[in-house]
Structure formats: structure tokens, C-alpha cells
């Protein structure tokens, strides 16, 4: 989940639209394949720890997920107990006092970049620092203490949060949030937590196969701040057919569904993985949208007929679009994607890229890219960038911040290595 900011009016919109049609700026080199040594190391719980999201604000990086302890090389290898949320300097790695101490997973965190004084957290929990709060809360970033003036109750798990347009956007499994009926999406007043009328789009419908609750799962804000990508489980957005992903225009007073969609998103992958479009992001100038998917493949289908277990690129126009390229892993999951002007970075538990001729094996032309990899933004083919990461469950978030690429991941099956060094949970690859 990648977070940026702002929206403005009519005269500037035409200039922004023209800019979006221009080629991307001259490409810089991809980030280093050598990881920084000072990032905090997730050490507990073993085998089940997971960093779900990384979000920068000011000079601090915030990490949330399901974990209990980190060791900090920047603090003399001191061990810090931090239940499901931790914050540290984005340039030195020194851990701060921030400690919301929830009793369950935090899936997402959002902050107002103007002052970074309040963090909004969402997940599946019933207490924050020993005080009652259900699935949503606002906390002080200095200490993690609950801000009691912000209402803090959702009747279902919160999966995604985003600060934009002076409010907090929320996605998840809920049908009621802070005593107001909202179907899986909402916008909240940042002081009171009361849902407002800015985002009233509702999600309905589920996918075939194993049980899938309707939900908004992931948000990505465009660089311009004018649009947001939403992924999740739904077959309609306020009655309009959409599956896997859609895009919302962020107006000054109202957020509205726009026309961007693809027939690719209406093809179902394996029944065991019906929700497959895990993440989506924008190119450096917002003219292209990249996706990362799981899904295996339709068991009755020929090899690779859709965008299951792949990264793909689509024009960012408000209509039905066709992919411009697709890169298959060979039936391994991708969970995250982010892009700069030189590279589309992908993360998951994949073994290969360029593997359109293989499934659970390296077909002709496949290249080894375990855990993370880089793709050419124009052709979609794998670049030479290949730092590697222990596969585990997969890299759940990729973030470009503090002059480099951040990787959020797990420690399942002894997954502790990133770029050939010990970096469980968090890895930073500088420019």
C-alpha cells in the first residue's frame, strides 16, 4: 500500500492529463541489491510473524502486522517488545517509543503527513494499550496511546486505511463503522472518527470457490493524489459491475467510481484462490497501472490464459482497457508491486519471472527471481535486478521511501534472508 497526496481544480486538471500522456522521465538505475544493515529484525513470534504494511511519515517508518518482538541493530541489538506495530527512524533504524500494543493483527496504518502526530490503525483487535477498541483506532505517534475522542469500533476486520483529502479512507469486512452503516468502504472525520458523505460507495458480491467475505482489501493513492486504486472481494461497486479492482476519482467534496476496468479481472483463477488481484500501483507519471496477482490458474484452462500468478500493465484511462504486457511467475503468487521510472518491483513467494512456459517448474526462458524481482516498465520482461529474498509466505508490501526500496515480509519456514543477509520482516535496499 503506497501513499501520496493532493487534489485540485479544473484548469490544472488539463495539464495533469497532458502530463500523464507523456513518456516517463529518463530512467534511473534500479535500487541496490545490497541491503542496509541497520533495519530492525522481527524475531518473534517464530514462523508466524508477518509485517503487513510499511508507511513513512516525516522521518519515521511505521510497520504493522502480526508480531511481538524486534531486535534493533541501530540500538545495540536491543530487543523491543512491540505487539503488532513498531516505528523507527527511516534513516538510522533507531526504534521509537511508539507502542499501541494491540491484542490482534494490525493490517494497515495511515497518518496525516502534515504533522505525523496521529496514526490511524485498523485490523482485527479488541484493545489498544489495554483500552477497549474494536478493529479501528487513532493513536498518538509519540507513545501509541489511544486517542479516545476518535470513535473506535467496526463490526468487521479493517484491512486498509489511507489519509487523503483531510479524511481517513477505510476498507475492510465491516458493514457498520463507528455506529454508521457502511458496506466495506467509508471515509472518516480524522478528529471524531464519524463517517462522512465523502466516500459512500458500497461493495457487494463474492467470488466462486472457497468462502470469501466481501471486503475492500488494499488502497493505493496516485502520485497526483487525484485517484485511488482499490482491490478486494466484490462483484459490484454501488451496483456497477467490478471485480478484483477498481479506481475512484477523488474530488474536492465527493469520491466517485471511474470507468477504469479490464475484462482480465472478470476471469476466475483457481477456485482455491478466487481473490487474486492482491495489489495495484501507478507508474511514476500515473499513466500506467501495474498489478500483482496470485490465483494459480483455472484448472481446466490451457497454461496462462489470464493474469493469474503474474504482474501486468494497463493504461490508466477511465474506460475498459487491455493489458499492454504480462509477466508470469509460473503458478507462484505475487502479493505486492511498486514502480519508479526505471523498474516495476514485484514481491511475493515466486521462484521465477518470464515463466510463461512453466507451472511449478522453470519453463523455457524462465529466470530465477526468488521473493522479489524487477521488471522493465515498457516491455514487462525481467531486468537483471535480482537481490533475492527467502520465499516464506511472501513479501506483502513494497514501498519506495527514504531513497530506496522497503520490503515487508514474514518469517514462515525460516524466511529470514533478503539480499543474502539476515533481515526477517523488514529489508531496505537503498538507491
Protein backbone atom coordinates (compact mmCIF):
# COMPACT_ATOMS: atom_id res chain seq x y z
CA UNK A 1 0.00 0.00 0.00
CA UNK A 2 1.64 3.17 -1.28
CA UNK A 3 0.61 6.58 -0.06
CA UNK A 4 0.84 10.01 -1.72
CA UNK A 5 -1.27 13.18 -1.72
CA UNK A 6 -3.41 16.21 -3.10
CA UNK A 7 -6.23 17.15 -5.44
CA UNK A 8 -7.03 20.40 -7.26
CA UNK A 9 -9.28 22.09 -9.72
CA UNK A 10 -10.26 22.39 -13.35
CA UNK A 11 -7.52 24.41 -15.05
CA UNK A 12 -4.76 22.27 -13.56
CA UNK A 13 -6.56 19.03 -14.37
CA UNK A 14 -5.98 19.53 -18.10
CA UNK A 15 -2.25 19.99 -17.50
CA UNK A 16 -2.11 16.89 -15.31
CA UNK A 17 -3.93 14.88 -18.00
CA UNK A 18 -1.48 16.07 -20.66
CA UNK A 19 1.49 15.19 -18.46
CA UNK A 20 0.10 11.70 -17.88
CA UNK A 21 0.22 11.06 -21.63
CA UNK A 22 3.90 11.96 -21.91
CA UNK A 23 6.66 9.34 -21.67
CA UNK A 24 8.04 8.61 -18.23
CA UNK A 25 11.11 10.63 -17.19
CA UNK A 26 14.53 9.29 -18.11
CA UNK A 27 15.02 6.07 -16.18
CA UNK A 28 17.39 5.96 -13.25
CA UNK A 29 19.14 2.76 -12.22
CA UNK A 30 17.24 0.29 -10.06
CA UNK A 31 17.92 0.31 -6.33
CA UNK A 32 20.87 -1.55 -4.84
CA UNK A 33 20.97 -5.33 -4.48
CA UNK A 34 22.77 -4.88 -1.12
CA UNK A 35 20.54 -4.36 1.91
CA UNK A 36 21.16 -1.77 4.64
CA UNK A 37 22.45 -3.39 7.83
CA UNK A 38 20.58 -1.24 10.35
CA UNK A 39 16.91 -2.12 9.83
CA UNK A 40 15.00 -3.70 12.76
CA UNK A 41 14.75 -7.51 12.70
CA UNK A 42 11.49 -9.31 13.52
CA UNK A 43 12.40 -12.13 15.91
CA UNK A 44 9.06 -13.18 17.43
CA UNK A 45 6.87 -14.99 17.01
CA UNK A 46 8.88 -17.52 15.04
CA UNK A 47 7.30 -18.97 11.90
CA UNK A 48 4.09 -16.90 12.15
CA UNK A 49 5.32 -13.30 12.26
CA UNK A 50 4.34 -11.02 9.38
CA UNK A 51 4.90 -7.36 8.55
CA UNK A 52 1.78 -6.46 6.60
CA UNK A 53 2.46 -2.80 5.75
CA UNK A 54 5.16 -0.12 5.91
CA UNK A 55 4.21 3.58 5.85
CA UNK A 56 6.62 6.54 6.10
CA UNK A 57 5.70 9.85 7.74
CA UNK A 58 8.20 12.64 8.31
CA UNK A 59 11.48 10.95 9.17
CA UNK A 60 9.85 7.86 10.68
CA UNK A 61 8.87 4.49 9.20
CA UNK A 62 5.84 2.74 10.71
CA UNK A 63 5.46 -1.05 10.39
CA UNK A 64 2.32 -3.01 11.26
CA UNK A 65 1.27 -6.64 11.08
CA UNK A 66 1.32 -9.60 13.43
CA UNK A 67 4.49 -9.74 15.53
CA UNK A 68 5.66 -9.33 19.13
CA UNK A 69 9.42 -8.62 19.19
CA UNK A 70 12.06 -6.87 17.11
CA UNK A 71 15.81 -6.70 17.60
CA UNK A 72 17.38 -3.39 16.59
CA UNK A 73 20.99 -3.31 15.28
CA UNK A 74 20.79 0.50 15.46
CA UNK A 75 20.10 0.29 19.21
CA UNK A 76 22.96 -2.03 20.14
CA UNK A 77 20.90 -5.14 19.24
CA UNK A 78 18.39 -4.30 21.98
CA UNK A 79 15.17 -6.33 21.84
CA UNK A 80 11.91 -4.36 21.82
CA UNK A 81 8.52 -5.85 22.65
CA UNK A 82 6.07 -4.35 20.20
CA UNK A 83 2.76 -6.10 19.67
CA UNK A 84 1.74 -5.60 16.05
CA UNK A 85 3.12 -2.07 15.49
CA UNK A 86 6.59 -0.54 15.61
CA UNK A 87 8.15 2.74 14.48
CA UNK A 88 11.77 3.60 13.77
CA UNK A 89 13.92 6.20 12.07
CA UNK A 90 13.81 5.82 8.29
CA UNK A 91 17.47 6.77 8.02
CA UNK A 92 19.12 5.20 11.10
CA UNK A 93 16.78 2.41 12.20
CA UNK A 94 16.57 3.59 15.81
CA UNK A 95 13.31 2.42 17.37
CA UNK A 96 10.92 5.00 18.82
CA UNK A 97 8.62 4.77 21.87
CA UNK A 98 5.54 4.26 19.63
CA UNK A 99 3.70 1.23 21.06
CA UNK A 100 -0.08 0.86 20.52
CA UNK A 101 0.14 -2.68 21.93
CA UNK A 102 -2.96 -4.20 20.31
CA UNK A 103 -4.20 -7.69 21.15
CA UNK A 104 -4.58 -8.67 17.49
CA UNK A 105 -3.24 -8.04 14.00
CA UNK A 106 -2.91 -4.54 12.59
CA UNK A 107 -3.36 -4.69 8.82
CA UNK A 108 -2.94 -1.04 7.97
CA UNK A 109 -1.83 2.33 9.28
CA UNK A 110 -2.39 5.86 7.96
CA UNK A 111 -1.04 9.25 9.03
CA UNK A 112 -1.57 12.89 8.19
CA UNK A 113 1.75 13.83 6.53
CA UNK A 114 1.33 17.46 7.60
CA UNK A 115 2.29 16.71 11.22
CA UNK A 116 2.52 12.90 11.67
CA UNK A 117 1.12 13.31 15.19
CA UNK A 118 -1.76 10.83 14.96
CA UNK A 119 -1.73 7.34 13.50
CA UNK A 120 -4.91 5.58 12.42
CA UNK A 121 -4.70 1.81 12.78
CA UNK A 122 -7.01 -0.90 11.51
CA UNK A 123 -7.07 -4.65 11.80
CA UNK A 124 -8.62 -7.35 13.95
CA UNK A 125 -8.26 -6.43 17.62
CA UNK A 126 -10.37 -5.54 20.65
CA UNK A 127 -7.94 -3.49 22.71
CA UNK A 128 -5.26 -0.82 22.28
CA UNK A 129 -2.89 -0.42 25.20
CA UNK A 130 -5.37 -2.28 27.40
CA UNK A 131 -8.29 0.01 26.46
CA UNK A 132 -11.29 -1.25 24.51
CA UNK A 133 -11.16 -0.56 20.77
CA UNK A 134 -12.54 -2.80 18.07
CA UNK A 135 -10.74 -3.08 14.72
CA UNK A 136 -10.20 0.69 14.25
CA UNK A 137 -8.49 3.33 16.39
CA UNK A 138 -6.49 6.55 16.42
CA UNK A 139 -3.31 6.65 18.50
CA UNK A 140 -0.66 9.16 19.49
CA UNK A 141 2.52 8.63 17.45
CA UNK A 142 4.81 9.63 20.32
CA UNK A 143 3.61 6.85 22.61
CA UNK A 144 0.92 4.80 20.85
CA UNK A 145 -1.71 5.81 23.43
CA UNK A 146 -5.34 5.61 22.33
CA UNK A 147 -6.95 8.90 21.32
CA UNK A 148 -10.31 8.41 22.97
CA UNK A 149 -12.00 11.30 21.14
CA UNK A 150 -11.84 9.31 17.90
CA UNK A 151 -14.61 6.69 17.76
CA UNK A 152 -13.14 3.22 17.62
CA UNK A 153 -15.48 0.42 16.64
CA UNK A 154 -16.01 -1.50 13.39
CA UNK A 155 -18.12 -4.66 13.28
CA UNK A 156 -15.69 -6.39 10.95
CA UNK A 157 -11.97 -6.53 10.31
CA UNK A 158 -10.36 -3.40 8.82
CA UNK A 159 -7.93 -4.21 6.00
CA UNK A 160 -6.93 -0.86 4.50
CA UNK A 161 -6.51 2.75 5.62
CA UNK A 162 -5.47 5.84 3.69
CA UNK A 163 -5.14 9.51 4.62
CA UNK A 164 -6.25 11.80 1.80
CA UNK A 165 -8.28 14.98 1.34
CA UNK A 166 -8.21 15.70 5.09
CA UNK A 167 -10.02 12.48 5.98
CA UNK A 168 -9.31 8.79 6.55
CA UNK A 169 -10.49 6.27 3.97
CA UNK A 170 -11.23 2.80 5.33
CA UNK A 171 -11.73 -0.57 3.67
CA UNK A 172 -12.48 -3.96 5.19
CA UNK A 173 -15.11 -6.55 6.05
CA UNK A 174 -17.38 -4.24 8.08
CA UNK A 175 -20.99 -3.27 7.46
CA UNK A 176 -21.06 -0.79 10.35
CA UNK A 177 -18.25 1.51 11.46
CA UNK A 178 -18.43 3.94 14.35
CA UNK A 179 -22.21 3.46 14.65
CA UNK A 180 -22.87 4.21 10.96
CA UNK A 181 -23.89 1.76 8.24
CA UNK A 182 -21.23 1.47 5.52
CA UNK A 183 -20.68 -1.53 3.25
CA UNK A 184 -16.92 -2.30 3.34
CA UNK A 185 -15.80 1.26 2.46
CA UNK A 186 -16.01 4.52 4.38
CA UNK A 187 -14.45 7.93 4.88
CA UNK A 188 -13.99 9.17 8.44
CA UNK A 189 -13.60 12.55 10.07
CA UNK A 190 -9.99 12.43 11.35
CA UNK A 191 -10.86 14.06 14.69
CA UNK A 192 -14.05 12.23 15.63
CA UNK A 193 -13.97 9.05 13.53
CA UNK A 194 -17.54 9.70 12.42
CA UNK A 195 -18.20 8.55 8.82
CA UNK A 196 -18.94 11.42 6.45
CA UNK A 197 -20.51 11.69 2.98
CA UNK A 198 -17.25 11.91 1.00
CA UNK A 199 -16.96 8.16 0.23
CA UNK A 200 -20.31 6.35 0.21
CA UNK A 201 -19.59 3.71 -2.44
CA UNK A 202 -20.68 0.26 -1.29
CA UNK A 203 -19.18 -3.15 -2.11
CA UNK A 204 -21.38 -6.20 -2.68
CA UNK A 205 -20.96 -9.74 -4.00
CA UNK A 206 -18.41 -12.52 -3.57
CA UNK A 207 -16.34 -14.80 -5.80
CA UNK A 208 -16.84 -18.50 -6.54
CA UNK A 209 -14.92 -21.21 -4.71
CA UNK A 210 -13.88 -21.24 -1.07
CA UNK A 211 -15.67 -18.90 1.35
CA UNK A 212 -14.86 -15.27 0.56
CA UNK A 213 -16.27 -12.40 2.57
CA UNK A 214 -16.92 -9.20 0.65
CA UNK A 215 -14.20 -6.70 1.51
CA UNK A 216 -12.04 -3.77 0.49
CA UNK A 217 -8.51 -5.11 0.86
CA UNK A 218 -5.90 -2.64 -0.38
CA UNK A 219 -5.61 1.07 -1.30
CA UNK A 220 -3.00 2.79 -3.47
CA UNK A 221 -3.08 6.56 -3.93
CA UNK A 222 -1.84 8.03 -7.20
CA UNK A 223 1.17 10.35 -7.24
CA UNK A 224 -1.14 13.24 -8.20
CA UNK A 225 -3.49 12.41 -5.33
CA UNK A 226 -6.44 12.53 -7.73
CA UNK A 227 -7.30 8.82 -7.76
CA UNK A 228 -7.06 5.73 -5.60
CA UNK A 229 -6.92 2.06 -6.62
CA UNK A 230 -8.93 -0.40 -4.54
CA UNK A 231 -8.56 -4.19 -4.61
CA UNK A 232 -10.71 -6.73 -2.81
CA UNK A 233 -13.64 -9.15 -2.97
CA UNK A 234 -16.77 -7.77 -4.67
CA UNK A 235 -18.79 -8.09 -7.86
CA UNK A 236 -20.30 -4.62 -7.79
CA UNK A 237 -19.41 -1.13 -6.57
CA UNK A 238 -22.63 0.71 -5.76
CA UNK A 239 -24.39 -1.50 -8.28
CA UNK A 240 -21.82 -1.16 -11.09
CA UNK A 241 -20.03 -4.35 -12.17
CA UNK A 242 -16.46 -4.51 -10.94
CA UNK A 243 -14.33 -7.46 -9.76
CA UNK A 244 -10.87 -7.66 -8.16
CA UNK A 245 -10.03 -3.96 -8.64
CA UNK A 246 -11.48 -0.54 -9.40
CA UNK A 247 -10.41 3.09 -9.40
CA UNK A 248 -12.00 6.03 -7.59
CA UNK A 249 -11.76 9.69 -8.58
CA UNK A 250 -11.07 11.85 -5.53
CA UNK A 251 -12.99 15.10 -5.92
CA UNK A 252 -12.92 18.04 -3.58
CA UNK A 253 -16.22 17.05 -1.96
CA UNK A 254 -17.04 13.54 -3.25
CA UNK A 255 -15.23 10.36 -4.27
CA UNK A 256 -16.75 8.68 -7.35
CA UNK A 257 -16.20 5.44 -9.25
CA UNK A 258 -14.45 5.96 -12.58
CA UNK A 259 -14.56 3.82 -15.73
CA UNK A 260 -11.18 2.06 -15.47
CA UNK A 261 -11.58 -1.72 -15.61
CA UNK A 262 -10.47 -4.73 -17.64
CA UNK A 263 -12.07 -7.96 -18.81
CA UNK A 264 -8.98 -9.67 -17.34
CA UNK A 265 -10.38 -9.04 -13.85
CA UNK A 266 -13.58 -10.97 -14.58
CA UNK A 267 -11.74 -14.22 -15.38
CA UNK A 268 -11.61 -16.57 -12.39
CA UNK A 269 -8.39 -18.34 -11.44
CA UNK A 270 -8.31 -21.50 -9.28
CA UNK A 271 -11.33 -21.94 -7.01
CA UNK A 272 -8.97 -22.16 -4.04
CA UNK A 273 -7.72 -18.60 -4.75
CA UNK A 274 -10.69 -16.67 -6.14
CA UNK A 275 -9.38 -13.32 -4.84
CA UNK A 276 -6.18 -12.99 -6.80
CA UNK A 277 -5.50 -9.31 -7.57
CA UNK A 278 -3.62 -8.55 -4.36
CA UNK A 279 -2.00 -5.21 -5.16
CA UNK A 280 -2.00 -2.45 -7.77
CA UNK A 281 0.15 0.65 -8.21
CA UNK A 282 0.85 3.56 -10.53
CA UNK A 283 3.77 4.36 -12.81
CA UNK A 284 5.91 7.36 -11.92
CA UNK A 285 3.70 9.69 -14.01
CA UNK A 286 0.39 7.88 -13.25
CA UNK A 287 -0.15 6.97 -16.92
CA UNK A 288 0.12 3.20 -16.33
CA UNK A 289 -1.34 0.89 -13.67
CA UNK A 290 0.59 -2.24 -12.67
CA UNK A 291 -0.96 -5.21 -10.86
CA UNK A 292 0.38 -8.17 -8.87
CA UNK A 293 -1.68 -11.35 -8.61
CA UNK A 294 -1.98 -14.76 -7.02
CA UNK A 295 -4.54 -17.28 -8.26
CA UNK A 296 -2.68 -20.28 -9.67
CA UNK A 297 -4.70 -20.87 -12.86
CA UNK A 298 -8.04 -22.22 -13.92
CA UNK A 299 -7.56 -25.98 -13.57
CA UNK A 300 -9.38 -26.66 -16.86
CA UNK A 301 -7.57 -23.92 -18.78
CA UNK A 302 -4.53 -24.07 -21.02
CA UNK A 303 -1.38 -22.68 -19.45
CA UNK A 304 -1.57 -18.95 -18.65
CA UNK A 305 -4.64 -17.64 -20.41
CA UNK A 306 -5.41 -14.84 -17.95
CA UNK A 307 -3.43 -12.80 -15.40
CA UNK A 308 -3.26 -15.42 -12.64
CA UNK A 309 0.11 -15.51 -10.79
CA UNK A 310 1.51 -12.63 -12.78
CA UNK A 311 2.36 -8.97 -12.99
CA UNK A 312 0.66 -6.97 -15.73
CA UNK A 313 0.39 -3.40 -17.02
CA UNK A 314 -2.68 -1.43 -18.15
CA UNK A 315 -3.22 2.10 -19.49
CA UNK A 316 -4.62 4.42 -16.86
CA UNK A 317 -7.69 5.69 -18.69
CA UNK A 318 -11.26 5.79 -17.40
CA UNK A 319 -12.62 3.04 -19.64
CA UNK A 320 -12.31 -0.71 -20.25
CA UNK A 321 -8.66 -1.37 -21.01
CA UNK A 322 -6.48 -4.18 -22.34
CA UNK A 323 -3.16 -5.16 -20.78
CA UNK A 324 -0.04 -3.98 -22.58
CA UNK A 325 2.13 -6.75 -21.12
CA UNK A 326 2.02 -9.63 -18.66
CA UNK A 327 4.85 -11.48 -16.92
CA UNK A 328 4.04 -14.92 -15.47
CA UNK A 329 5.80 -16.44 -12.47
CA UNK A 330 4.81 -19.99 -13.41
CA UNK A 331 2.00 -20.53 -10.87
CA UNK A 332 3.64 -18.79 -7.86
CA UNK A 333 1.92 -15.95 -6.01
CA UNK A 334 2.77 -12.26 -6.26
CA UNK A 335 1.47 -10.10 -3.40
CA UNK A 336 2.92 -6.62 -3.93
CA UNK A 337 4.07 -4.19 -6.61
CA UNK A 338 5.54 -0.69 -6.71
CA UNK A 339 7.26 1.26 -9.50
CA UNK A 340 9.72 4.05 -10.12
CA UNK A 341 10.77 5.44 -13.51
CA UNK A 342 13.24 2.62 -14.14
CA UNK A 343 11.71 -0.53 -12.67
CA UNK A 344 8.50 -2.27 -11.69
CA UNK A 345 9.35 -4.07 -8.43
CA UNK A 346 7.38 -7.23 -7.60
CA UNK A 347 7.19 -9.22 -4.36
CA UNK A 348 5.62 -12.49 -3.30
CA UNK A 349 6.80 -16.05 -2.87
CA UNK A 350 7.63 -16.55 -6.52
CA UNK A 351 10.59 -18.54 -7.78
CA UNK A 352 10.78 -17.21 -11.32
CA UNK A 353 9.84 -14.47 -13.74
CA UNK A 354 9.47 -14.70 -17.57
CA UNK A 355 7.91 -18.12 -16.90
CA UNK A 356 5.04 -18.23 -19.36
CA UNK A 357 6.08 -21.73 -20.41
CA UNK A 358 6.12 -23.34 -16.96
CA UNK A 359 3.86 -24.08 -13.99
CA UNK A 360 5.56 -25.13 -10.72
CA UNK A 361 8.71 -25.62 -12.80
CA UNK A 362 11.01 -23.39 -14.82
CA UNK A 363 9.83 -23.40 -18.42
CA UNK A 364 11.93 -22.30 -21.37
CA UNK A 365 13.00 -18.67 -20.96
CA UNK A 366 12.32 -18.52 -17.21
CA UNK A 367 14.75 -16.62 -14.97
CA UNK A 368 15.26 -17.12 -11.24
CA UNK A 369 13.81 -14.25 -9.18
CA UNK A 370 13.02 -15.65 -5.72
CA UNK A 371 10.85 -13.49 -3.45
CA UNK A 372 11.44 -10.15 -5.16
CA UNK A 373 12.36 -9.04 -8.65
CA UNK A 374 12.38 -6.19 -11.14
CA UNK A 375 10.59 -5.81 -14.47
CA UNK A 376 11.14 -3.39 -17.33
CA UNK A 377 8.19 -0.95 -17.26
CA UNK A 378 7.97 -0.82 -21.06
CA UNK A 379 8.33 -4.48 -22.02
CA UNK A 380 7.42 -6.24 -18.78
CA UNK A 381 10.39 -8.57 -19.06
CA UNK A 382 12.62 -9.24 -16.06
CA UNK A 383 15.57 -6.91 -15.59
CA UNK A 384 18.93 -8.04 -14.24
CA UNK A 385 17.99 -6.72 -10.75
CA UNK A 386 17.90 -9.81 -8.54
CA UNK A 387 18.76 -9.34 -4.84
CA UNK A 388 16.63 -12.42 -3.84
CA UNK A 389 14.56 -12.95 -0.68
CA UNK A 390 13.60 -16.03 1.32
CA UNK A 391 10.26 -17.03 -0.15
CA UNK A 392 8.29 -17.82 3.04
CA UNK A 393 4.65 -16.73 2.74
CA UNK A 394 5.75 -13.76 0.64
CA UNK A 395 6.65 -10.08 0.51
CA UNK A 396 3.34 -8.41 1.41
CA UNK A 397 4.32 -4.78 0.85
CA UNK A 398 6.87 -2.86 -1.22
CA UNK A 399 7.42 0.85 -0.54
CA UNK A 400 9.68 3.45 -2.13
CA UNK A 401 10.79 5.85 0.63
CA UNK A 402 13.91 7.35 2.23
CA UNK A 403 15.83 6.93 -1.04
CA UNK A 404 15.31 3.24 -1.56
CA UNK A 405 13.01 0.24 -1.66
CA UNK A 406 11.50 -1.26 1.51
CA UNK A 407 10.30 -4.87 1.67
CA UNK A 408 7.77 -6.04 4.27
CA UNK A 409 7.54 -9.80 4.72
CA UNK A 410 7.25 -12.79 7.07
CA UNK A 411 9.38 -15.41 8.83
CA UNK A 412 7.44 -18.51 7.77
CA UNK A 413 9.54 -21.61 7.05
CA UNK A 414 12.65 -19.81 8.32
CA UNK A 415 12.31 -16.91 5.88
CA UNK A 416 14.99 -14.57 7.23
CA UNK A 417 17.14 -13.67 4.23
CA UNK A 418 16.96 -10.60 1.99
CA UNK A 419 19.72 -9.78 -0.47
CA UNK A 420 21.77 -12.59 1.06
CA UNK A 421 21.71 -11.16 4.60
CA UNK A 422 19.67 -11.60 7.80
CA UNK A 423 16.62 -9.33 7.52
CA UNK A 424 13.49 -11.02 8.86
CA UNK A 425 10.33 -8.97 8.40
CA UNK A 426 11.89 -5.73 7.10
CA UNK A 427 14.54 -5.15 4.44
CA UNK A 428 15.77 -1.87 2.92
CA UNK A 429 17.57 -1.66 -0.42
CA UNK A 430 18.95 1.88 -0.82
CA UNK A 431 19.50 3.76 -4.06
